[in-house]
Amino acid sequence: MALTLVEAAKTALNNGKEHEAEIILNYAMTSPILERLQFRDIQGNALSYNREETMPGIGFRGINGSFTESTGVVNPVTETLAIAGGDLDVDNFLIQTMGDSTRSDQETMKVRSLSLSWTNTFINGDTASDPKEFDGLKTRLTGTQLVSAGTTSGGDPLSLNKLDELADAVVGNNKVLLMNKAIRRRLSTAARSTNIGGFIQHERDEFGRMVSMYGDMPILILDEDNEKNQILPFTEAGEGGGTTSSSIYCVNMGPMMLQGIQNGQIQVRDLGELNSKPSVRTRVEWYAGIAIFDGRSAARLYGVSNAAVTA
């Protein structure tokens, strides 16, 4: 059964694993993706499955006639896990002079950093440039799952018609929109304009925070990664070749759609004091990746400029 990290944290807490529950919850609270994405536990270091590409044909026949044989097309896919994590060393002097809470605070910072790095890889991961990570949505989405905002070099203003086209490219009812803060602000401004409109409302997430909605789709903001780099910057190439545009993603993170895969939960291990220096080391590791079980569970609208929204 696939669980979100919030659900996994509740399960760990119910089983008396308070420290593990706190770590998992910190992951979820740091990233809007990790708050909502379901993770499926797998055996081994990879998951193989068949992705449906073409439905079998259906027809009609007359009396004493026959059907034309037709079969669907499925493509075998293998998703591998990536090892994310890092070591954290805290000097014994800091622990003695500032208390044990210093180490716990450093663990929390490490987990938040890993969460932001993982979220960036979810969008921008590319095994061609770094084979240790997994491919993100920007690398994976092609063909009909790419929607162009226009043909202007440097990008075109977001139009509500294109945003609806993006949503229509994704199947199901459990869809969310991923965008940067600037585009979300443009949408909010458009919603206040009688000339443009745009159905924007608000709801609260798992942690009581307000989340904007476009229609029935939550708008999740992807801001900076752990190195203070924008996850969805206005530096992408648009249809016309200029590199001053960004993208909006629509994804369905429901069952057998776009899901995370993992072998075990996030691990936080106390390795004790090091021989090489008077510090204690904590190691954080997570064996995880993503899988697109349905080819229409994600789509990308690219070439969006930082300009006022149009109808």
C-alpha atoms as a PDB file:
ATOM      1  CA  MET A   1       0.000   0.000   0.000  1.00  0.00           C
ATOM      2  CA  ALA A   2       1.314   3.451  -0.940  1.00  0.00           C
ATOM      3  CA  LEU A   3       1.369   6.098   1.802  1.00  0.00           C
ATOM      4  CA  THR A   4       2.206   9.783   1.888  1.00  0.00           C
ATOM      5  CA  LEU A   5       4.998  10.788   4.272  1.00  0.00           C
ATOM      6  CA  VAL A   6       2.397  12.393   6.537  1.00  0.00           C
ATOM      7  CA  GLU A   7       0.541   9.070   6.763  1.00  0.00           C
ATOM      8  CA  ALA A   8       3.837   7.215   7.275  1.00  0.00           C
ATOM      9  CA  ALA A   9       4.735   9.566  10.140  1.00  0.00           C
ATOM     10  CA  LYS A  10       1.395   8.872  11.833  1.00  0.00           C
ATOM     11  CA  THR A  11       1.979   5.117  11.474  1.00  0.00           C
ATOM     12  CA  ALA A  12       5.460   5.413  12.980  1.00  0.00           C
ATOM     13  CA  LEU A  13       4.097   7.459  15.882  1.00  0.00           C
ATOM     14  CA  ASN A  14       1.358   4.903  16.553  1.00  0.00           C
ATOM     15  CA  ASN A  15       4.059   2.207  16.659  1.00  0.00           C
ATOM     16  CA  GLY A  16       6.018   4.123  19.297  1.00  0.00           C
ATOM     17  CA  LYS A  17       8.752   5.351  16.918  1.00  0.00           C
ATOM     18  CA  GLU A  18       8.626   9.004  17.911  1.00  0.00           C
ATOM     19  CA  HIS A  19      12.055  10.005  16.565  1.00  0.00           C
ATOM     20  CA  GLU A  20      11.396   8.350  13.200  1.00  0.00           C
ATOM     21  CA  ALA A  21       7.961  10.012  13.010  1.00  0.00           C
ATOM     22  CA  GLU A  22       9.506  13.428  13.706  1.00  0.00           C
ATOM     23  CA  ILE A  23      12.115  12.969  10.976  1.00  0.00           C
ATOM     24  CA  ILE A  24       9.548  11.847   8.369  1.00  0.00           C
ATOM     25  CA  LEU A  25       7.222  14.713   9.271  1.00  0.00           C
ATOM     26  CA  ASN A  26      10.057  17.221   8.843  1.00  0.00           C
ATOM     27  CA  TYR A  27      10.582  15.898   5.317  1.00  0.00           C
ATOM     28  CA  ALA A  28       6.906  16.392   4.493  1.00  0.00           C
ATOM     29  CA  MET A  29       6.615  19.854   6.065  1.00  0.00           C
ATOM     30  CA  THR A  30       9.571  21.175   4.058  1.00  0.00           C
ATOM     31  CA  SER A  31       8.275  20.205   0.613  1.00  0.00           C
ATOM     32  CA  PRO A  32       4.757  20.522  -0.850  1.00  0.00           C
ATOM     33  CA  ILE A  33       5.616  17.594  -3.139  1.00  0.00           C
ATOM     34  CA  LEU A  34       6.683  15.297  -0.316  1.00  0.00           C
ATOM     35  CA  GLU A  35       3.612  16.323   1.669  1.00  0.00           C
ATOM     36  CA  ARG A  36       1.268  14.904  -0.979  1.00  0.00           C
ATOM     37  CA  LEU A  37       3.239  12.315  -2.974  1.00  0.00           C
ATOM     38  CA  GLN A  38       2.410   8.700  -2.151  1.00  0.00           C
ATOM     39  CA  PHE A  39       5.370   6.332  -1.723  1.00  0.00           C
ATOM     40  CA  ARG A  40       5.169   2.671  -2.618  1.00  0.00           C
ATOM     41  CA  ASP A  41       7.549   0.304  -0.818  1.00  0.00           C
ATOM     42  CA  ILE A  42       9.390  -2.051  -3.147  1.00  0.00           C
ATOM     43  CA  GLN A  43      11.787  -4.951  -2.780  1.00  0.00           C
ATOM     44  CA  GLY A  44      15.302  -4.667  -4.190  1.00  0.00           C
ATOM     45  CA  ASN A  45      16.730  -1.568  -5.872  1.00  0.00           C
ATOM     46  CA  ALA A  46      14.378  -1.255  -8.878  1.00  0.00           C
ATOM     47  CA  LEU A  47      10.742  -1.671  -9.921  1.00  0.00           C
ATOM     48  CA  SER A  48       9.736  -3.118 -13.304  1.00  0.00           C
ATOM     49  CA  TYR A  49       6.219  -2.640 -14.645  1.00  0.00           C
ATOM     50  CA  ASN A  50       4.272  -2.229 -17.898  1.00  0.00           C
ATOM     51  CA  ARG A  51       2.993   1.211 -18.877  1.00  0.00           C
ATOM     52  CA  GLU A  52      -0.055   1.270 -21.145  1.00  0.00           C
ATOM     53  CA  GLU A  53       0.571   3.284 -24.315  1.00  0.00           C
ATOM     54  CA  THR A  54      -2.234   2.272 -26.727  1.00  0.00           C
ATOM     55  CA  MET A  55      -5.670   0.865 -25.935  1.00  0.00           C
ATOM     56  CA  PRO A  56      -6.883  -2.155 -27.956  1.00  0.00           C
ATOM     57  CA  GLY A  57      -9.337  -1.323 -30.748  1.00  0.00           C
ATOM     58  CA  ILE A  58     -13.062  -1.999 -30.362  1.00  0.00           C
ATOM     59  CA  GLY A  59     -15.530  -2.352 -33.240  1.00  0.00           C
ATOM     60  CA  PHE A  60     -18.848  -3.806 -34.304  1.00  0.00           C
ATOM     61  CA  ARG A  61     -19.660  -6.830 -36.447  1.00  0.00           C
ATOM     62  CA  GLY A  62     -22.599  -7.950 -38.458  1.00  0.00           C
ATOM     63  CA  ILE A  63     -24.404 -11.287 -38.205  1.00  0.00           C
ATOM     64  CA  ASN A  64     -22.009 -14.115 -39.178  1.00  0.00           C
ATOM     65  CA  GLY A  65     -19.261 -11.496 -39.386  1.00  0.00           C
ATOM     66  CA  SER A  66     -16.092 -11.303 -37.349  1.00  0.00           C
ATOM     67  CA  PHE A  67     -14.172  -8.753 -35.330  1.00  0.00           C
ATOM     68  CA  THR A  68     -10.878  -7.296 -36.469  1.00  0.00           C
ATOM     69  CA  GLU A  69      -8.193  -8.467 -34.067  1.00  0.00           C
ATOM     70  CA  SER A  70      -6.616  -5.674 -32.063  1.00  0.00           C
ATOM     71  CA  THR A  71      -4.414  -5.635 -28.998  1.00  0.00           C
ATOM     72  CA  GLY A  72      -3.170  -2.821 -26.821  1.00  0.00           C
ATOM     73  CA  VAL A  73       0.433  -1.708 -26.617  1.00  0.00           C
ATOM     74  CA  VAL A  74       2.317  -1.707 -23.315  1.00  0.00           C
ATOM     75  CA  ASN A  75       5.892  -0.631 -22.831  1.00  0.00           C
ATOM     76  CA  PRO A  76       8.045  -2.254 -20.146  1.00  0.00           C
ATOM     77  CA  VAL A  77       9.555   0.295 -17.780  1.00  0.00           C
ATOM     78  CA  THR A  78      12.161  -0.107 -15.043  1.00  0.00           C
ATOM     79  CA  GLU A  79      12.591   2.543 -12.356  1.00  0.00           C
ATOM     80  CA  THR A  80      15.666   2.432 -10.140  1.00  0.00           C
ATOM     81  CA  LEU A  81      16.150   3.889  -6.676  1.00  0.00           C
ATOM     82  CA  ALA A  82      18.588   6.706  -5.974  1.00  0.00           C
ATOM     83  CA  ILE A  83      20.517   7.037  -2.715  1.00  0.00           C
ATOM     84  CA  ALA A  84      19.942  10.455  -1.163  1.00  0.00           C
ATOM     85  CA  GLY A  85      21.447  11.584   2.114  1.00  0.00           C
ATOM     86  CA  GLY A  86      24.525  12.861   3.883  1.00  0.00           C
ATOM     87  CA  ASP A  87      26.663  12.800   7.014  1.00  0.00           C
ATOM     88  CA  LEU A  88      26.344  15.333   9.807  1.00  0.00           C
ATOM     89  CA  ASP A  89      29.175  15.913  12.300  1.00  0.00           C
ATOM     90  CA  VAL A  90      28.641  17.881  15.522  1.00  0.00           C
ATOM     91  CA  ASP A  91      31.630  18.809  17.688  1.00  0.00           C
ATOM     92  CA  ASN A  92      31.604  17.451  21.242  1.00  0.00           C
ATOM     93  CA  PHE A  93      32.324  20.978  22.488  1.00  0.00           C
ATOM     94  CA  LEU A  94      29.001  22.238  21.079  1.00  0.00           C
ATOM     95  CA  ILE A  95      27.077  19.345  22.601  1.00  0.00           C
ATOM     96  CA  GLN A  96      28.613  19.874  26.063  1.00  0.00           C
ATOM     97  CA  THR A  97      28.298  23.657  26.084  1.00  0.00           C
ATOM     98  CA  MET A  98      24.930  23.998  24.336  1.00  0.00           C
ATOM     99  CA  GLY A  99      23.196  20.735  25.251  1.00  0.00           C
ATOM    100  CA  ASP A 100      21.983  17.631  23.428  1.00  0.00           C
ATOM    101  CA  SER A 101      19.339  19.682  21.633  1.00  0.00           C
ATOM    102  CA  THR A 102      22.117  21.106  19.428  1.00  0.00           C
ATOM    103  CA  ARG A 103      22.535  17.743  17.743  1.00  0.00           C
ATOM    104  CA  SER A 104      18.781  17.365  17.279  1.00  0.00           C
ATOM    105  CA  ASP A 105      18.591  20.838  15.727  1.00  0.00           C
ATOM    106  CA  GLN A 106      21.375  19.948  13.290  1.00  0.00           C
ATOM    107  CA  GLU A 107      19.571  16.715  12.346  1.00  0.00           C
ATOM    108  CA  THR A 108      16.427  18.718  11.570  1.00  0.00           C
ATOM    109  CA  MET A 109      18.382  21.108   9.357  1.00  0.00           C
ATOM    110  CA  LYS A 110      19.969  18.169   7.516  1.00  0.00           C
ATOM    111  CA  VAL A 111      16.594  16.564   6.893  1.00  0.00           C
ATOM    112  CA  ARG A 112      15.148  19.843   5.602  1.00  0.00           C
ATOM    113  CA  SER A 113      18.134  20.255   3.278  1.00  0.00           C
ATOM    114  CA  LEU A 114      17.681  16.736   1.904  1.00  0.00           C
ATOM    115  CA  SER A 115      13.961  17.345   1.411  1.00  0.00           C
ATOM    116  CA  LEU A 116      14.605  20.494  -0.658  1.00  0.00           C
ATOM    117  CA  SER A 117      17.313  18.758  -2.701  1.00  0.00           C
ATOM    118  CA  TRP A 118      14.997  15.815  -3.410  1.00  0.00           C
ATOM    119  CA  THR A 119      12.213  18.191  -4.474  1.00  0.00           C
ATOM    120  CA  ASN A 120      14.546  19.899  -6.941  1.00  0.00           C
ATOM    121  CA  THR A 121      15.490  16.489  -8.383  1.00  0.00           C
ATOM    122  CA  PHE A 122      11.776  15.649  -8.694  1.00  0.00           C
ATOM    123  CA  ILE A 123      11.580  18.465 -11.268  1.00  0.00           C
ATOM    124  CA  ASN A 124      15.100  18.906 -12.662  1.00  0.00           C
ATOM    125  CA  GLY A 125      16.826  15.535 -12.125  1.00  0.00           C
ATOM    126  CA  ASP A 126      18.772  14.283 -15.140  1.00  0.00           C
ATOM    127  CA  THR A 127      20.747  11.042 -15.029  1.00  0.00           C
ATOM    128  CA  ALA A 128      22.593  12.089 -18.202  1.00  0.00           C
ATOM    129  CA  SER A 129      24.355  14.847 -16.221  1.00  0.00           C
ATOM    130  CA  ASP A 130      24.383  13.071 -12.846  1.00  0.00           C
ATOM    131  CA  PRO A 131      23.869   9.280 -12.974  1.00  0.00           C
ATOM    132  CA  LYS A 132      23.571   9.100  -9.169  1.00  0.00           C
ATOM    133  CA  GLU A 133      20.190  10.867  -9.149  1.00  0.00           C
ATOM    134  CA  PHE A 134      16.872   9.984 -10.813  1.00  0.00           C
ATOM    135  CA  ASP A 135      15.238  11.624 -13.836  1.00  0.00           C
ATOM    136  CA  GLY A 136      12.818  14.405 -12.939  1.00  0.00           C
ATOM    137  CA  LEU A 137       9.658  15.512 -14.732  1.00  0.00           C
ATOM    138  CA  LYS A 138      11.482  18.032 -16.934  1.00  0.00           C
ATOM    139  CA  THR A 139      13.517  15.176 -18.433  1.00  0.00           C
ATOM    140  CA  ARG A 140      10.708  12.620 -18.592  1.00  0.00           C
ATOM    141  CA  LEU A 141       7.827  14.565 -20.132  1.00  0.00           C
ATOM    142  CA  THR A 142       7.715  14.541 -23.947  1.00  0.00           C
ATOM    143  CA  GLY A 143       5.242  14.485 -26.846  1.00  0.00           C
ATOM    144  CA  THR A 144       1.636  15.282 -26.018  1.00  0.00           C
ATOM    145  CA  GLN A 145       2.516  15.871 -22.352  1.00  0.00           C
ATOM    146  CA  LEU A 146       4.367  19.046 -23.366  1.00  0.00           C
ATOM    147  CA  VAL A 147       2.218  22.156 -23.882  1.00  0.00           C
ATOM    148  CA  SER A 148       3.810  25.295 -25.304  1.00  0.00           C
ATOM    149  CA  ALA A 149       2.757  28.694 -23.962  1.00  0.00           C
ATOM    150  CA  GLY A 150       3.487  30.266 -27.370  1.00  0.00           C
ATOM    151  CA  THR A 151       6.194  30.953 -29.927  1.00  0.00           C
ATOM    152  CA  THR A 152       7.697  34.208 -28.662  1.00  0.00           C
ATOM    153  CA  SER A 153      11.431  34.137 -28.000  1.00  0.00           C
ATOM    154  CA  GLY A 154      11.859  34.490 -24.246  1.00  0.00           C
ATOM    155  CA  GLY A 155       8.407  33.152 -23.476  1.00  0.00           C
ATOM    156  CA  ASP A 156       4.766  34.172 -23.589  1.00  0.00           C
ATOM    157  CA  PRO A 157       2.416  35.400 -20.852  1.00  0.00           C
ATOM    158  CA  LEU A 158       0.402  32.664 -19.193  1.00  0.00           C
ATOM    159  CA  SER A 159      -3.104  32.395 -20.591  1.00  0.00           C
ATOM    160  CA  LEU A 160      -5.939  30.717 -18.701  1.00  0.00           C
ATOM    161  CA  ASN A 161      -6.777  28.833 -21.889  1.00  0.00           C
ATOM    162  CA  LYS A 162      -3.280  27.279 -21.921  1.00  0.00           C
ATOM    163  CA  LEU A 163      -3.558  26.485 -18.219  1.00  0.00           C
ATOM    164  CA  ASP A 164      -6.807  24.635 -18.918  1.00  0.00           C
ATOM    165  CA  GLU A 165      -5.115  22.838 -21.824  1.00  0.00           C
ATOM    166  CA  LEU A 166      -2.367  21.746 -19.441  1.00  0.00           C
ATOM    167  CA  ALA A 167      -4.928  20.386 -16.977  1.00  0.00           C
ATOM    168  CA  ASP A 168      -6.752  18.540 -19.768  1.00  0.00           C
ATOM    169  CA  ALA A 169      -3.507  16.752 -20.700  1.00  0.00           C
ATOM    170  CA  VAL A 170      -3.575  14.995 -17.302  1.00  0.00           C
ATOM    171  CA  VAL A 171      -6.101  12.292 -16.459  1.00  0.00           C
ATOM    172  CA  GLY A 172      -8.035  11.860 -13.222  1.00  0.00           C
ATOM    173  CA  ASN A 173      -9.420  14.147 -10.555  1.00  0.00           C
ATOM    174  CA  ASN A 174      -6.500  14.220  -8.102  1.00  0.00           C
ATOM    175  CA  LYS A 175      -4.495  16.917  -9.910  1.00  0.00           C
ATOM    176  CA  VAL A 176      -2.230  19.648  -8.536  1.00  0.00           C
ATOM    177  CA  LEU A 177      -0.397  22.528 -10.224  1.00  0.00           C
ATOM    178  CA  LEU A 178       3.296  23.210  -9.580  1.00  0.00           C
ATOM    179  CA  MET A 179       4.668  26.707 -10.251  1.00  0.00           C
ATOM    180  CA  ASN A 180       6.939  29.397  -8.848  1.00  0.00           C
ATOM    181  CA  LYS A 181       5.821  32.295  -6.647  1.00  0.00           C
ATOM    182  CA  ALA A 182       5.902  34.916  -9.381  1.00  0.00           C
ATOM    183  CA  ILE A 183       3.467  33.028 -11.627  1.00  0.00           C
ATOM    184  CA  ARG A 184       1.174  32.327  -8.674  1.00  0.00           C
ATOM    185  CA  ARG A 185       1.106  36.060  -7.930  1.00  0.00           C
ATOM    186  CA  ARG A 186       0.223  36.758 -11.570  1.00  0.00           C
ATOM    187  CA  LEU A 187      -2.668  34.284 -11.298  1.00  0.00           C
ATOM    188  CA  SER A 188      -3.933  35.889  -8.093  1.00  0.00           C
ATOM    189  CA  THR A 189      -3.860  39.308  -9.761  1.00  0.00           C
ATOM    190  CA  ALA A 190      -5.770  37.938 -12.753  1.00  0.00           C
ATOM    191  CA  ALA A 191      -8.427  36.491 -10.456  1.00  0.00           C
ATOM    192  CA  ARG A 192      -9.144  40.029  -9.166  1.00  0.00           C
ATOM    193  CA  SER A 193      -9.554  41.408 -12.689  1.00  0.00           C
ATOM    194  CA  THR A 194     -13.048  41.446 -14.179  1.00  0.00           C
ATOM    195  CA  ASN A 195     -11.498  41.410 -17.668  1.00  0.00           C
ATOM    196  CA  ILE A 196      -9.682  38.111 -17.125  1.00  0.00           C
ATOM    197  CA  GLY A 197     -11.131  36.259 -14.122  1.00  0.00           C
ATOM    198  CA  GLY A 198      -9.813  32.864 -13.166  1.00  0.00           C
ATOM    199  CA  PHE A 199     -11.396  30.780 -10.437  1.00  0.00           C
ATOM    200  CA  ILE A 200      -8.995  31.102  -7.481  1.00  0.00           C
ATOM    201  CA  GLN A 201      -9.984  29.943  -3.994  1.00  0.00           C
ATOM    202  CA  HIS A 202      -8.139  28.763  -0.880  1.00  0.00           C
ATOM    203  CA  GLU A 203      -8.046  25.756   1.438  1.00  0.00           C
ATOM    204  CA  ARG A 204      -5.822  24.529   4.286  1.00  0.00           C
ATOM    205  CA  ASP A 205      -3.265  21.745   3.882  1.00  0.00           C
ATOM    206  CA  GLU A 206      -2.290  18.964   6.325  1.00  0.00           C
ATOM    207  CA  PHE A 207      -0.402  21.464   8.494  1.00  0.00           C
ATOM    208  CA  GLY A 208      -3.036  24.203   8.539  1.00  0.00           C
ATOM    209  CA  ARG A 209      -1.332  26.373   5.923  1.00  0.00           C
ATOM    210  CA  MET A 210      -3.400  28.210   3.311  1.00  0.00           C
ATOM    211  CA  VAL A 211      -3.111  26.790  -0.217  1.00  0.00           C
ATOM    212  CA  SER A 212      -4.388  28.578  -3.330  1.00  0.00           C
ATOM    213  CA  MET A 213      -6.630  26.606  -5.710  1.00  0.00           C
ATOM    214  CA  TYR A 214      -7.257  27.024  -9.419  1.00  0.00           C
ATOM    215  CA  GLY A 215     -10.653  25.410  -9.891  1.00  0.00           C
ATOM    216  CA  ASP A 216     -10.336  22.191  -7.893  1.00  0.00           C
ATOM    217  CA  MET A 217      -6.536  21.952  -8.312  1.00  0.00           C
ATOM    218  CA  PRO A 218      -4.263  23.008  -5.428  1.00  0.00           C
ATOM    219  CA  ILE A 219      -1.426  25.329  -6.484  1.00  0.00           C
ATOM    220  CA  LEU A 220       1.828  24.126  -4.919  1.00  0.00           C
ATOM    221  CA  ILE A 221       4.691  26.600  -4.831  1.00  0.00           C
ATOM    222  CA  LEU A 222       8.179  25.303  -5.591  1.00  0.00           C
ATOM    223  CA  ASP A 223      10.575  27.957  -4.337  1.00  0.00           C
ATOM    224  CA  GLU A 224      14.278  27.362  -3.597  1.00  0.00           C
ATOM    225  CA  ASP A 225      16.287  24.174  -3.172  1.00  0.00           C
ATOM    226  CA  ASN A 226      18.812  23.528  -0.396  1.00  0.00           C
ATOM    227  CA  GLU A 227      21.435  25.661  -2.168  1.00  0.00           C
ATOM    228  CA  LYS A 228      19.111  28.667  -2.547  1.00  0.00           C
ATOM    229  CA  ASN A 229      18.623  28.060  -6.279  1.00  0.00           C
ATOM    230  CA  GLN A 230      15.171  28.520  -7.773  1.00  0.00           C
ATOM    231  CA  ILE A 231      13.590  25.158  -8.638  1.00  0.00           C
ATOM    232  CA  LEU A 232      11.441  26.724 -11.377  1.00  0.00           C
ATOM    233  CA  PRO A 233      13.436  29.793 -12.472  1.00  0.00           C
ATOM    234  CA  PHE A 234      12.777  32.139 -15.379  1.00  0.00           C
ATOM    235  CA  THR A 235      15.872  30.825 -17.143  1.00  0.00           C
ATOM    236  CA  GLU A 236      14.331  28.051 -19.251  1.00  0.00           C
ATOM    237  CA  ALA A 237      14.315  28.070 -23.034  1.00  0.00           C
ATOM    238  CA  GLY A 238      10.951  28.856 -24.605  1.00  0.00           C
ATOM    239  CA  GLU A 239       9.658  27.920 -28.038  1.00  0.00           C
ATOM    240  CA  GLY A 240      11.445  30.875 -29.630  1.00  0.00           C
ATOM    241  CA  GLY A 241      14.836  30.087 -28.105  1.00  0.00           C
ATOM    242  CA  GLY A 242      15.109  32.819 -25.458  1.00  0.00           C
ATOM    243  CA  THR A 243      15.991  31.702 -21.930  1.00  0.00           C
ATOM    244  CA  THR A 244      13.763  33.960 -19.830  1.00  0.00           C
ATOM    245  CA  SER A 245      10.754  31.709 -19.259  1.00  0.00           C
ATOM    246  CA  SER A 246       9.583  29.150 -16.700  1.00  0.00           C
ATOM    247  CA  SER A 247       7.259  26.131 -16.580  1.00  0.00           C
ATOM    248  CA  ILE A 248       4.080  25.037 -14.840  1.00  0.00           C
ATOM    249  CA  TYR A 249       3.495  21.347 -14.156  1.00  0.00           C
ATOM    250  CA  CYS A 250       0.208  19.553 -13.644  1.00  0.00           C
ATOM    251  CA  VAL A 251       0.476  16.161 -11.941  1.00  0.00           C
ATOM    252  CA  ASN A 252      -1.854  13.496 -10.627  1.00  0.00           C
ATOM    253  CA  MET A 253      -0.251  11.951  -7.547  1.00  0.00           C
ATOM    254  CA  GLY A 254      -3.025   9.425  -6.981  1.00  0.00           C
ATOM    255  CA  PRO A 255      -2.848   5.600  -6.910  1.00  0.00           C
ATOM    256  CA  MET A 256      -1.125   4.084  -9.973  1.00  0.00           C
ATOM    257  CA  MET A 257      -0.490   7.544 -11.403  1.00  0.00           C
ATOM    258  CA  LEU A 258       2.665   9.474 -10.470  1.00  0.00           C
ATOM    259  CA  GLN A 259       4.005   7.932  -7.267  1.00  0.00           C
ATOM    260  CA  GLY A 260       7.189   7.739  -5.281  1.00  0.00           C
ATOM    261  CA  ILE A 261       8.982   4.449  -4.747  1.00  0.00           C
ATOM    262  CA  GLN A 262      11.238   3.577  -1.827  1.00  0.00           C
ATOM    263  CA  ASN A 263      12.945   0.685  -0.103  1.00  0.00           C
ATOM    264  CA  GLY A 264      12.238   1.455   3.532  1.00  0.00           C
ATOM    265  CA  GLN A 265      11.612   4.764   5.235  1.00  0.00           C
ATOM    266  CA  ILE A 266      14.066   7.609   5.719  1.00  0.00           C
ATOM    267  CA  GLN A 267      16.935   6.434   7.928  1.00  0.00           C
ATOM    268  CA  VAL A 268      18.685   8.492  10.583  1.00  0.00           C
ATOM    269  CA  ARG A 269      21.573   6.539  12.164  1.00  0.00           C
ATOM    270  CA  ASP A 270      23.788   7.562  15.073  1.00  0.00           C
ATOM    271  CA  LEU A 271      27.343   6.473  14.161  1.00  0.00           C
ATOM    272  CA  GLY A 272      28.836   7.729  17.435  1.00  0.00           C
ATOM    273  CA  GLU A 273      32.121   9.551  17.977  1.00  0.00           C
ATOM    274  CA  LEU A 274      34.661   9.593  15.157  1.00  0.00           C
ATOM    275  CA  ASN A 275      38.242   8.428  15.585  1.00  0.00           C
ATOM    276  CA  SER A 276      39.556  11.197  13.362  1.00  0.00           C
ATOM    277  CA  LYS A 277      38.131  14.122  15.349  1.00  0.00           C
ATOM    278  CA  PRO A 278      36.172  14.853  18.568  1.00  0.00           C
ATOM    279  CA  SER A 279      32.777  14.905  16.878  1.00  0.00           C
ATOM    280  CA  VAL A 280      29.753  12.631  16.737  1.00  0.00           C
ATOM    281  CA  ARG A 281      28.333  11.693  13.352  1.00  0.00           C
ATOM    282  CA  THR A 282      24.738  11.178  12.222  1.00  0.00           C
ATOM    283  CA  ARG A 283      24.027   9.647   8.825  1.00  0.00           C
ATOM    284  CA  VAL A 284      20.807  10.384   6.945  1.00  0.00           C
ATOM    285  CA  GLU A 285      19.871   8.147   3.997  1.00  0.00           C
ATOM    286  CA  TRP A 286      16.827   7.515   1.845  1.00  0.00           C
ATOM    287  CA  TYR A 287      16.560   4.987  -1.006  1.00  0.00           C
ATOM    288  CA  ALA A 288      13.843   6.497  -3.163  1.00  0.00           C
ATOM    289  CA  GLY A 289      12.771   7.570  -6.653  1.00  0.00           C
ATOM    290  CA  ILE A 290       9.604   8.172  -8.683  1.00  0.00           C
ATOM    291  CA  ALA A 291       7.532   6.116 -11.118  1.00  0.00           C
ATOM    292  CA  ILE A 292       5.008   7.311 -13.725  1.00  0.00           C
ATOM    293  CA  PHE A 293       2.586   4.397 -13.935  1.00  0.00           C
ATOM    294  CA  ASP A 294       0.219   6.243 -16.296  1.00  0.00           C
ATOM    295  CA  GLY A 295       1.803   8.269 -19.098  1.00  0.00           C
ATOM    296  CA  ARG A 296      -0.908  10.933 -18.768  1.00  0.00           C
ATOM    297  CA  SER A 297      -0.463  11.493 -15.034  1.00  0.00           C
ATOM    298  CA  ALA A 298       1.836  14.496 -15.572  1.00  0.00           C
ATOM    299  CA  ALA A 299       2.236  17.310 -18.095  1.00  0.00           C
ATOM    300  CA  ARG A 300       4.326  20.458 -18.479  1.00  0.00           C
ATOM    301  CA  LEU A 301       3.416  23.923 -19.778  1.00  0.00           C
ATOM    302  CA  TYR A 302       6.691  25.551 -20.835  1.00  0.00           C
ATOM    303  CA  GLY A 303       7.704  28.953 -22.182  1.00  0.00           C
ATOM    304  CA  VAL A 304       5.779  30.994 -19.561  1.00  0.00           C
ATOM    305  CA  SER A 305       7.148  34.521 -19.156  1.00  0.00           C
ATOM    306  CA  ASN A 306       6.940  36.711 -16.062  1.00  0.00           C
ATOM    307  CA  ALA A 307       4.137  38.843 -17.441  1.00  0.00           C
ATOM    308  CA  ALA A 308       0.489  39.564 -16.710  1.00  0.00           C
ATOM    309  CA  VAL A 309      -1.896  36.640 -17.254  1.00  0.00           C
ATOM    310  CA  THR A 310      -4.198  36.772 -20.254  1.00  0.00           C
ATOM    311  CA  ALA A 311      -7.505  35.068 -20.949  1.00  0.00           C
END
